[in-house]
C-alpha atoms as a PDB file:
ATOM      1  CA  MET A   1     -53.043 -73.208  88.470  1.00  0.00           C
ATOM      2  CA  ARG A   2     -49.559 -74.122  87.335  1.00  0.00           C
ATOM      3  CA  LEU A   3     -46.841 -71.636  88.292  1.00  0.00           C
ATOM      4  CA  PRO A   4     -45.198 -70.325  85.085  1.00  0.00           C
ATOM      5  CA  LEU A   5     -41.394 -70.042  85.030  1.00  0.00           C
ATOM      6  CA  LEU A   6     -40.242 -67.190  82.799  1.00  0.00           C
ATOM      7  CA  ARG A   7     -36.645 -67.163  81.561  1.00  0.00           C
ATOM      8  CA  SER A   8     -34.780 -64.510  79.643  1.00  0.00           C
ATOM      9  CA  VAL A   9     -31.138 -63.921  78.837  1.00  0.00           C
ATOM     10  CA  GLY A  10     -29.094 -62.901  81.821  1.00  0.00           C
ATOM     11  CA  LEU A  11     -31.975 -62.918  84.300  1.00  0.00           C
ATOM     12  CA  LEU A  12     -34.390 -65.462  85.704  1.00  0.00           C
ATOM     13  CA  ALA A  13     -37.763 -63.860  86.339  1.00  0.00           C
ATOM     14  CA  VAL A  14     -40.211 -65.942  88.303  1.00  0.00           C
ATOM     15  CA  VAL A  15     -43.762 -64.702  88.111  1.00  0.00           C
ATOM     16  CA  LEU A  16     -46.209 -66.311  90.497  1.00  0.00           C
ATOM     17  CA  ALA A  17     -49.772 -66.540  89.252  1.00  0.00           C
ATOM     18  CA  ALA A  18     -51.359 -67.960  92.381  1.00  0.00           C
ATOM     19  CA  SER A  19     -54.831 -69.411  92.653  1.00  0.00           C
ATOM     20  CA  VAL A  20     -57.793 -67.051  92.738  1.00  0.00           C
ATOM     21  CA  GLY A  21     -58.077 -65.408  96.162  1.00  0.00           C
ATOM     22  CA  ILE A  22     -60.875 -66.566  98.465  1.00  0.00           C
ATOM     23  CA  ASP A  23     -62.265 -64.430 101.273  1.00  0.00           C
ATOM     24  CA  SER A  24     -63.759 -65.706 104.529  1.00  0.00           C
ATOM     25  CA  ALA A  25     -67.212 -65.987 102.975  1.00  0.00           C
ATOM     26  CA  GLY A  26     -65.906 -68.212 100.199  1.00  0.00           C
ATOM     27  CA  ALA A  27     -66.252 -65.657  97.398  1.00  0.00           C
ATOM     28  CA  ARG A  28     -63.448 -64.492  95.134  1.00  0.00           C
ATOM     29  CA  ALA A  29     -61.562 -61.538  96.596  1.00  0.00           C
ATOM     30  CA  ALA A  30     -61.925 -58.249  94.734  1.00  0.00           C
ATOM     31  CA  SER A  31     -59.369 -57.643  91.984  1.00  0.00           C
ATOM     32  CA  HIS A  32     -58.235 -54.618  90.040  1.00  0.00           C
ATOM     33  CA  LEU A  33     -59.870 -56.336  87.083  1.00  0.00           C
ATOM     34  CA  ASP A  34     -63.239 -55.952  88.817  1.00  0.00           C
ATOM     35  CA  SER A  35     -62.751 -52.230  89.428  1.00  0.00           C
ATOM     36  CA  ILE A  36     -61.494 -51.683  85.872  1.00  0.00           C
ATOM     37  CA  GLN A  37     -64.574 -53.297  84.401  1.00  0.00           C
ATOM     38  CA  LYS A  38     -66.878 -51.518  86.830  1.00  0.00           C
ATOM     39  CA  SER A  39     -65.385 -48.052  86.222  1.00  0.00           C
ATOM     40  CA  GLY A  40     -64.869 -48.540  82.504  1.00  0.00           C
ATOM     41  CA  ARG A  41     -61.308 -47.214  82.668  1.00  0.00           C
ATOM     42  CA  LEU A  42     -57.819 -48.680  82.803  1.00  0.00           C
ATOM     43  CA  ARG A  43     -55.401 -46.470  84.760  1.00  0.00           C
ATOM     44  CA  VAL A  44     -51.946 -46.831  83.221  1.00  0.00           C
ATOM     45  CA  CYS A  45     -48.813 -45.465  84.876  1.00  0.00           C
ATOM     46  CA  ILE A  46     -46.277 -44.208  82.316  1.00  0.00           C
ATOM     47  CA  TRP A  47     -42.947 -42.391  82.284  1.00  0.00           C
ATOM     48  CA  PRO A  48     -43.550 -39.680  79.656  1.00  0.00           C
ATOM     49  CA  ALA A  49     -39.825 -39.116  79.028  1.00  0.00           C
ATOM     50  CA  TYR A  50     -39.187 -42.651  77.713  1.00  0.00           C
ATOM     51  CA  PHE A  51     -38.617 -42.367  73.974  1.00  0.00           C
ATOM     52  CA  GLY A  52     -40.103 -45.198  71.923  1.00  0.00           C
ATOM     53  CA  ILE A  53     -41.899 -46.512  75.014  1.00  0.00           C
ATOM     54  CA  THR A  54     -44.127 -43.837  76.607  1.00  0.00           C
ATOM     55  CA  TYR A  55     -42.983 -40.481  75.276  1.00  0.00           C
ATOM     56  CA  ARG A  56     -44.796 -37.153  75.370  1.00  0.00           C
ATOM     57  CA  ASN A  57     -43.680 -35.487  72.168  1.00  0.00           C
ATOM     58  CA  PRO A  58     -42.681 -31.900  73.038  1.00  0.00           C
ATOM     59  CA  ARG A  59     -43.660 -30.713  69.573  1.00  0.00           C
ATOM     60  CA  ASN A  60     -47.347 -31.533  69.924  1.00  0.00           C
ATOM     61  CA  GLY A  61     -47.844 -32.769  73.495  1.00  0.00           C
ATOM     62  CA  GLN A  62     -49.097 -36.136  72.232  1.00  0.00           C
ATOM     63  CA  LEU A  63     -48.161 -39.445  73.859  1.00  0.00           C
ATOM     64  CA  GLU A  64     -46.443 -41.976  71.617  1.00  0.00           C
ATOM     65  CA  GLY A  65     -44.444 -45.187  71.882  1.00  0.00           C
ATOM     66  CA  ILE A  66     -44.988 -48.919  72.000  1.00  0.00           C
ATOM     67  CA  ASP A  67     -46.631 -48.936  75.429  1.00  0.00           C
ATOM     68  CA  ILE A  68     -49.016 -46.127  74.532  1.00  0.00           C
ATOM     69  CA  ASP A  69     -50.127 -48.222  71.555  1.00  0.00           C
ATOM     70  CA  LEU A  70     -50.313 -51.424  73.592  1.00  0.00           C
ATOM     71  CA  ALA A  71     -52.115 -49.761  76.504  1.00  0.00           C
ATOM     72  CA  HIS A  72     -54.865 -48.792  74.065  1.00  0.00           C
ATOM     73  CA  GLN A  73     -54.890 -52.382  72.819  1.00  0.00           C
ATOM     74  CA  LEU A  74     -55.230 -53.755  76.359  1.00  0.00           C
ATOM     75  CA  ALA A  75     -58.021 -51.291  77.121  1.00  0.00           C
ATOM     76  CA  SER A  76     -59.778 -52.296  73.909  1.00  0.00           C
ATOM     77  CA  ASP A  77     -59.501 -55.989  74.783  1.00  0.00           C
ATOM     78  CA  LEU A  78     -61.068 -55.195  78.164  1.00  0.00           C
ATOM     79  CA  LYS A  79     -63.717 -52.983  76.506  1.00  0.00           C
ATOM     80  CA  VAL A  80     -62.730 -49.967  78.612  1.00  0.00           C
ATOM     81  CA  SER A  81     -60.846 -46.722  77.968  1.00  0.00           C
ATOM     82  CA  ALA A  82     -57.180 -46.078  78.793  1.00  0.00           C
ATOM     83  CA  GLU A  83     -56.354 -43.282  81.252  1.00  0.00           C
ATOM     84  CA  PHE A  84     -52.668 -42.360  81.475  1.00  0.00           C
ATOM     85  CA  VAL A  85     -51.067 -41.374  84.789  1.00  0.00           C
ATOM     86  CA  ASP A  86     -47.687 -39.606  84.685  1.00  0.00           C
ATOM     87  CA  SER A  87     -45.180 -41.537  86.775  1.00  0.00           C
ATOM     88  CA  SER A  88     -41.488 -42.442  86.744  1.00  0.00           C
ATOM     89  CA  PHE A  89     -39.202 -45.227  87.861  1.00  0.00           C
ATOM     90  CA  ALA A  90     -38.581 -43.293  91.083  1.00  0.00           C
ATOM     91  CA  ASP A  91     -42.340 -43.259  91.777  1.00  0.00           C
ATOM     92  CA  LEU A  92     -43.046 -46.777  90.519  1.00  0.00           C
ATOM     93  CA  VAL A  93     -43.309 -48.514  93.898  1.00  0.00           C
ATOM     94  CA  LYS A  94     -45.315 -45.689  95.467  1.00  0.00           C
ATOM     95  CA  ASN A  95     -47.836 -45.536  92.636  1.00  0.00           C
ATOM     96  CA  LEU A  96     -48.414 -49.284  92.539  1.00  0.00           C
ATOM     97  CA  THR A  97     -48.806 -49.572  96.312  1.00  0.00           C
ATOM     98  CA  THR A  98     -51.114 -46.564  96.763  1.00  0.00           C
ATOM     99  CA  ASP A  99     -53.590 -47.453  94.016  1.00  0.00           C
ATOM    100  CA  ALA A 100     -52.552 -44.566  91.754  1.00  0.00           C
ATOM    101  CA  CYS A 101     -52.825 -46.887  88.759  1.00  0.00           C
ATOM    102  CA  ASP A 102     -53.853 -50.418  87.836  1.00  0.00           C
ATOM    103  CA  ILE A 103     -50.735 -51.219  85.835  1.00  0.00           C
ATOM    104  CA  ALA A 104     -47.354 -49.717  84.970  1.00  0.00           C
ATOM    105  CA  MET A 105     -46.726 -49.929  81.241  1.00  0.00           C
ATOM    106  CA  HIS A 106     -43.369 -48.270  80.576  1.00  0.00           C
ATOM    107  CA  ALA A 107     -40.927 -51.118  79.941  1.00  0.00           C
ATOM    108  CA  VAL A 108     -40.304 -51.889  83.602  1.00  0.00           C
ATOM    109  CA  GLY A 109     -37.094 -53.849  84.082  1.00  0.00           C
ATOM    110  CA  VAL A 110     -37.635 -57.080  86.011  1.00  0.00           C
ATOM    111  CA  ARG A 111     -35.433 -56.801  89.093  1.00  0.00           C
ATOM    112  CA  PRO A 112     -35.483 -58.649  92.435  1.00  0.00           C
ATOM    113  CA  ASP A 113     -35.671 -55.418  94.464  1.00  0.00           C
ATOM    114  CA  ARG A 114     -38.776 -54.355  92.543  1.00  0.00           C
ATOM    115  CA  ALA A 115     -40.358 -57.803  92.826  1.00  0.00           C
ATOM    116  CA  GLU A 116     -40.680 -57.240  96.578  1.00  0.00           C
ATOM    117  CA  HIS A 117     -43.299 -54.562  95.887  1.00  0.00           C
ATOM    118  CA  MET A 118     -45.017 -55.598  92.646  1.00  0.00           C
ATOM    119  CA  ASP A 119     -45.735 -58.530  90.363  1.00  0.00           C
ATOM    120  CA  PHE A 120     -44.439 -58.766  86.801  1.00  0.00           C
ATOM    121  CA  SER A 121     -46.048 -60.077  83.656  1.00  0.00           C
ATOM    122  CA  ALA A 122     -44.180 -62.223  81.192  1.00  0.00           C
ATOM    123  CA  PRO A 123     -41.507 -60.090  79.477  1.00  0.00           C
ATOM    124  CA  TYR A 124     -42.241 -58.535  76.093  1.00  0.00           C
ATOM    125  CA  LEU A 125     -38.935 -56.720  75.444  1.00  0.00           C
ATOM    126  CA  VAL A 126     -35.318 -57.408  76.435  1.00  0.00           C
ATOM    127  CA  SER A 127     -32.612 -54.731  76.358  1.00  0.00           C
ATOM    128  CA  GLY A 128     -28.984 -54.748  77.321  1.00  0.00           C
ATOM    129  CA  ILE A 129     -26.626 -51.788  77.814  1.00  0.00           C
ATOM    130  CA  TYR A 130     -25.637 -49.480  74.953  1.00  0.00           C
ATOM    131  CA  ALA A 131     -23.337 -46.461  74.789  1.00  0.00           C
ATOM    132  CA  VAL A 132     -24.011 -43.018  73.345  1.00  0.00           C
ATOM    133  CA  ALA A 133     -20.950 -41.112  72.125  1.00  0.00           C
ATOM    134  CA  PRO A 134     -20.306 -37.998  70.031  1.00  0.00           C
ATOM    135  CA  ARG A 135     -20.155 -38.778  66.310  1.00  0.00           C
ATOM    136  CA  THR A 136     -16.959 -36.755  66.028  1.00  0.00           C
ATOM    137  CA  HIS A 137     -15.181 -38.204  69.068  1.00  0.00           C
ATOM    138  CA  ALA A 138     -11.448 -38.351  68.379  1.00  0.00           C
ATOM    139  CA  SER A 139     -10.800 -41.783  69.890  1.00  0.00           C
ATOM    140  CA  ILE A 140     -14.121 -43.632  70.304  1.00  0.00           C
ATOM    141  CA  ARG A 141     -15.536 -45.292  67.210  1.00  0.00           C
ATOM    142  CA  THR A 142     -16.574 -48.717  68.520  1.00  0.00           C
ATOM    143  CA  TRP A 143     -17.473 -50.307  71.847  1.00  0.00           C
ATOM    144  CA  ALA A 144     -13.909 -51.606  72.196  1.00  0.00           C
ATOM    145  CA  ASP A 145     -12.590 -48.027  72.291  1.00  0.00           C
ATOM    146  CA  ILE A 146     -14.536 -47.095  75.426  1.00  0.00           C
ATOM    147  CA  ASP A 147     -12.540 -48.793  78.178  1.00  0.00           C
ATOM    148  CA  GLN A 148      -9.310 -46.848  77.773  1.00  0.00           C
ATOM    149  CA  PRO A 149      -7.303 -44.648  80.172  1.00  0.00           C
ATOM    150  CA  GLY A 150      -8.577 -41.083  80.316  1.00  0.00           C
ATOM    151  CA  HIS A 151     -12.103 -41.873  79.134  1.00  0.00           C
ATOM    152  CA  VAL A 152     -15.045 -40.912  81.367  1.00  0.00           C
ATOM    153  CA  VAL A 153     -18.203 -43.052  81.224  1.00  0.00           C
ATOM    154  CA  VAL A 154     -21.416 -41.609  82.657  1.00  0.00           C
ATOM    155  CA  VAL A 155     -24.146 -43.694  84.302  1.00  0.00           C
ATOM    156  CA  GLN A 156     -27.303 -42.656  86.116  1.00  0.00           C
ATOM    157  CA  LYS A 157     -27.437 -43.338  89.835  1.00  0.00           C
ATOM    158  CA  GLY A 158     -29.680 -46.228  90.820  1.00  0.00           C
ATOM    159  CA  THR A 159     -29.810 -47.861  87.389  1.00  0.00           C
ATOM    160  CA  TYR A 160     -28.452 -51.333  86.785  1.00  0.00           C
ATOM    161  CA  MET A 161     -25.869 -49.714  84.469  1.00  0.00           C
ATOM    162  CA  GLU A 162     -24.025 -48.346  87.510  1.00  0.00           C
ATOM    163  CA  PRO A 163     -22.881 -51.652  89.111  1.00  0.00           C
ATOM    164  CA  VAL A 164     -22.361 -53.303  85.715  1.00  0.00           C
ATOM    165  CA  MET A 165     -20.055 -50.537  84.515  1.00  0.00           C
ATOM    166  CA  ARG A 166     -18.124 -50.458  87.786  1.00  0.00           C
ATOM    167  CA  GLU A 167     -17.475 -54.169  87.379  1.00  0.00           C
ATOM    168  CA  THR A 168     -16.888 -54.180  83.620  1.00  0.00           C
ATOM    169  CA  LEU A 169     -14.653 -51.169  83.057  1.00  0.00           C
ATOM    170  CA  LYS A 170     -11.012 -51.650  84.007  1.00  0.00           C
ATOM    171  CA  LYS A 171      -9.325 -48.515  82.616  1.00  0.00           C
ATOM    172  CA  ALA A 172     -12.011 -45.866  82.047  1.00  0.00           C
ATOM    173  CA  GLN A 173     -13.459 -43.764  84.867  1.00  0.00           C
ATOM    174  CA  VAL A 174     -17.121 -44.152  85.879  1.00  0.00           C
ATOM    175  CA  ALA A 175     -18.991 -40.907  86.641  1.00  0.00           C
ATOM    176  CA  VAL A 176     -22.385 -41.127  88.367  1.00  0.00           C
ATOM    177  CA  VAL A 177     -25.108 -38.503  87.851  1.00  0.00           C
ATOM    178  CA  GLU A 178     -28.505 -38.086  89.497  1.00  0.00           C
ATOM    179  CA  ASP A 179     -30.758 -37.244  86.551  1.00  0.00           C
ATOM    180  CA  PHE A 180     -31.047 -39.065  83.229  1.00  0.00           C
ATOM    181  CA  LYS A 181     -30.735 -35.761  81.323  1.00  0.00           C
ATOM    182  CA  GLN A 182     -27.397 -35.120  83.014  1.00  0.00           C
ATOM    183  CA  ARG A 183     -25.929 -38.083  81.168  1.00  0.00           C
ATOM    184  CA  GLU A 184     -26.159 -36.464  77.757  1.00  0.00           C
ATOM    185  CA  GLN A 185     -25.292 -33.027  79.141  1.00  0.00           C
ATOM    186  CA  GLU A 186     -21.996 -34.378  80.491  1.00  0.00           C
ATOM    187  CA  VAL A 187     -21.119 -35.906  77.130  1.00  0.00           C
ATOM    188  CA  GLU A 188     -22.279 -32.977  74.987  1.00  0.00           C
ATOM    189  CA  SER A 189     -20.272 -30.542  77.158  1.00  0.00           C
ATOM    190  CA  GLY A 190     -17.120 -32.644  76.788  1.00  0.00           C
ATOM    191  CA  ARG A 191     -16.841 -33.425  80.504  1.00  0.00           C
ATOM    192  CA  ALA A 192     -17.432 -37.095  79.669  1.00  0.00           C
ATOM    193  CA  ASP A 193     -16.861 -39.289  76.632  1.00  0.00           C
ATOM    194  CA  VAL A 194     -19.901 -41.605  76.573  1.00  0.00           C
ATOM    195  CA  PHE A 195     -22.982 -42.371  78.606  1.00  0.00           C
ATOM    196  CA  MET A 196     -24.674 -45.713  79.141  1.00  0.00           C
ATOM    197  CA  THR A 197     -28.352 -46.337  78.466  1.00  0.00           C
ATOM    198  CA  ASP A 198     -30.739 -48.941  77.081  1.00  0.00           C
ATOM    199  CA  TYR A 199     -31.765 -49.496  73.472  1.00  0.00           C
ATOM    200  CA  PRO A 200     -34.934 -47.339  73.391  1.00  0.00           C
ATOM    201  CA  TYR A 201     -33.287 -44.223  74.814  1.00  0.00           C
ATOM    202  CA  GLY A 202     -30.166 -44.863  72.756  1.00  0.00           C
ATOM    203  CA  GLN A 203     -32.343 -44.892  69.650  1.00  0.00           C
ATOM    204  CA  ARG A 204     -33.788 -41.523  70.631  1.00  0.00           C
ATOM    205  CA  MET A 205     -30.318 -40.036  70.885  1.00  0.00           C
ATOM    206  CA  ALA A 206     -29.149 -41.551  67.593  1.00  0.00           C
ATOM    207  CA  THR A 207     -32.220 -40.460  65.617  1.00  0.00           C
ATOM    208  CA  GLN A 208     -33.001 -37.077  67.157  1.00  0.00           C
ATOM    209  CA  THR A 209     -29.661 -35.678  68.342  1.00  0.00           C
ATOM    210  CA  PRO A 210     -27.264 -34.603  65.567  1.00  0.00           C
ATOM    211  CA  TRP A 211     -24.105 -35.017  67.634  1.00  0.00           C
ATOM    212  CA  ALA A 212     -24.827 -38.528  68.985  1.00  0.00           C
ATOM    213  CA  THR A 213     -24.158 -42.036  67.769  1.00  0.00           C
ATOM    214  CA  LEU A 214     -25.190 -45.360  69.330  1.00  0.00           C
ATOM    215  CA  LEU A 215     -22.552 -47.993  70.084  1.00  0.00           C
ATOM    216  CA  ALA A 216     -23.465 -51.626  70.731  1.00  0.00           C
ATOM    217  CA  PRO A 217     -21.312 -54.164  72.582  1.00  0.00           C
ATOM    218  CA  PRO A 218     -20.141 -57.169  70.516  1.00  0.00           C
ATOM    219  CA  THR A 219     -22.322 -59.431  72.667  1.00  0.00           C
ATOM    220  CA  PRO A 220     -25.364 -58.386  74.737  1.00  0.00           C
ATOM    221  CA  LEU A 221     -24.294 -56.809  78.023  1.00  0.00           C
ATOM    222  CA  ALA A 222     -26.510 -57.317  81.085  1.00  0.00           C
ATOM    223  CA  PRO A 223     -29.686 -58.035  79.080  1.00  0.00           C
ATOM    224  CA  THR A 224     -32.729 -57.239  81.196  1.00  0.00           C
ATOM    225  CA  PRO A 225     -36.321 -58.324  80.493  1.00  0.00           C
ATOM    226  CA  TYR A 226     -38.929 -55.570  80.374  1.00  0.00           C
ATOM    227  CA  ALA A 227     -42.427 -56.404  81.577  1.00  0.00           C
ATOM    228  CA  TYR A 228     -45.650 -54.855  82.843  1.00  0.00           C
ATOM    229  CA  ALA A 229     -45.950 -54.338  86.592  1.00  0.00           C
ATOM    230  CA  VAL A 230     -49.151 -54.732  88.611  1.00  0.00           C
ATOM    231  CA  PRO A 231     -49.966 -54.382  92.324  1.00  0.00           C
ATOM    232  CA  LYS A 232     -48.575 -57.304  94.284  1.00  0.00           C
ATOM    233  CA  GLY A 233     -50.822 -60.219  95.179  1.00  0.00           C
ATOM    234  CA  ASP A 234     -53.621 -59.657  92.655  1.00  0.00           C
ATOM    235  CA  SER A 235     -53.408 -63.004  90.867  1.00  0.00           C
ATOM    236  CA  VAL A 236     -56.602 -62.479  88.872  1.00  0.00           C
ATOM    237  CA  TRP A 237     -55.384 -59.237  87.322  1.00  0.00           C
ATOM    238  CA  LEU A 238     -51.872 -60.624  86.771  1.00  0.00           C
ATOM    239  CA  ALA A 239     -53.302 -63.626  84.933  1.00  0.00           C
ATOM    240  CA  ARG A 240     -55.340 -61.318  82.663  1.00  0.00           C
ATOM    241  CA  VAL A 241     -52.275 -59.189  81.882  1.00  0.00           C
ATOM    242  CA  ASN A 242     -50.266 -62.323  81.112  1.00  0.00           C
ATOM    243  CA  GLN A 243     -53.037 -63.417  78.781  1.00  0.00           C
ATOM    244  CA  PHE A 244     -52.714 -60.067  77.000  1.00  0.00           C
ATOM    245  CA  VAL A 245     -48.934 -60.470  76.621  1.00  0.00           C
ATOM    246  CA  SER A 246     -49.438 -63.972  75.235  1.00  0.00           C
ATOM    247  CA  ASP A 247     -52.137 -62.705  72.851  1.00  0.00           C
ATOM    248  CA  ILE A 248     -50.062 -59.858  71.391  1.00  0.00           C
ATOM    249  CA  LYS A 249     -47.101 -62.176  70.817  1.00  0.00           C
ATOM    250  CA  ARG A 250     -49.295 -64.728  69.084  1.00  0.00           C
ATOM    251  CA  ASP A 251     -51.457 -62.429  66.961  1.00  0.00           C
ATOM    252  CA  GLY A 252     -48.639 -60.135  65.808  1.00  0.00           C
ATOM    253  CA  ARG A 253     -49.598 -56.932  67.608  1.00  0.00           C
ATOM    254  CA  LEU A 254     -46.335 -56.888  69.568  1.00  0.00           C
ATOM    255  CA  THR A 255     -44.297 -57.143  66.371  1.00  0.00           C
ATOM    256  CA  THR A 256     -46.437 -54.515  64.639  1.00  0.00           C
ATOM    257  CA  TYR A 257     -46.013 -51.904  67.351  1.00  0.00           C
ATOM    258  CA  ALA A 258     -42.363 -52.778  68.023  1.00  0.00           C
ATOM    259  CA  GLU A 259     -41.585 -52.186  64.347  1.00  0.00           C
ATOM    260  CA  LYS A 260     -43.612 -48.975  64.319  1.00  0.00           C
ATOM    261  CA  ASN A 261     -41.539 -47.604  67.223  1.00  0.00           C
ATOM    262  CA  GLY A 262     -38.126 -48.878  66.109  1.00  0.00           C
ATOM    263  CA  LEU A 263     -37.890 -51.578  68.778  1.00  0.00           C
ATOM    264  CA  ALA A 264     -38.081 -54.778  66.727  1.00  0.00           C
ATOM    265  CA  PRO A 265     -34.502 -55.806  67.655  1.00  0.00           C
ATOM    266  CA  ILE A 266     -35.422 -56.131  71.338  1.00  0.00           C
ATOM    267  CA  ILE A 267     -38.688 -58.104  71.180  1.00  0.00           C
ATOM    268  CA  ALA A 268     -38.665 -60.821  73.857  1.00  0.00           C
ATOM    269  CA  PRO A 269     -39.062 -64.400  72.636  1.00  0.00           C
END
């Protein structure tokens, strides 16, 4: 099988789809695909706080977002049912290495440190860094206004926004918080001027929070491909997931559900 080389802006993601595993008896090694088809269920790890991606709506408790829609599509293609497992980026490695789920479908950023513990599909979305600021801020109206003396820019610890902002900002102060909710709390309270996030969460703030506005850089900043993550070394299952990604790009399902969830601007080529 040829090894596919996947490229996206700002990051080279190499996904290895190795030959089908062979055990000592000469038969194909067991794959998650086998257990999915045998059990009739696809266990999908999600982060239920990810607006537009895998979001549990607090008003009705229902899951919504592009990867909820596409998880149902993948399950349908496999002729099984989708079973959602609450997870997070902090628990991503643990859940994929302890068989808590068959796949993580919550716009997982393709990063080298994660690739040590999991395999990635071809990317289906690409997002750079965006800023969320108060609509009524006295001195910040555009991205160019952010990096000025006296301004405080909030980033979440452990995200790729942290090193990028430390390197990019020359005059503004970078403040690091532990929890993603702390970002908006710091800005809403006035202790900070803006916080950095990706496009999906920025859209949530702009559409659902009266005080917030979304600011985009003039050119994409640190664009990162988002993909599906599967347990490392299962080439059969990875190949099937890559087939799904190829199918939804070709038949229009990716575009349909990206538009439905307000994510059309970040569809991966």
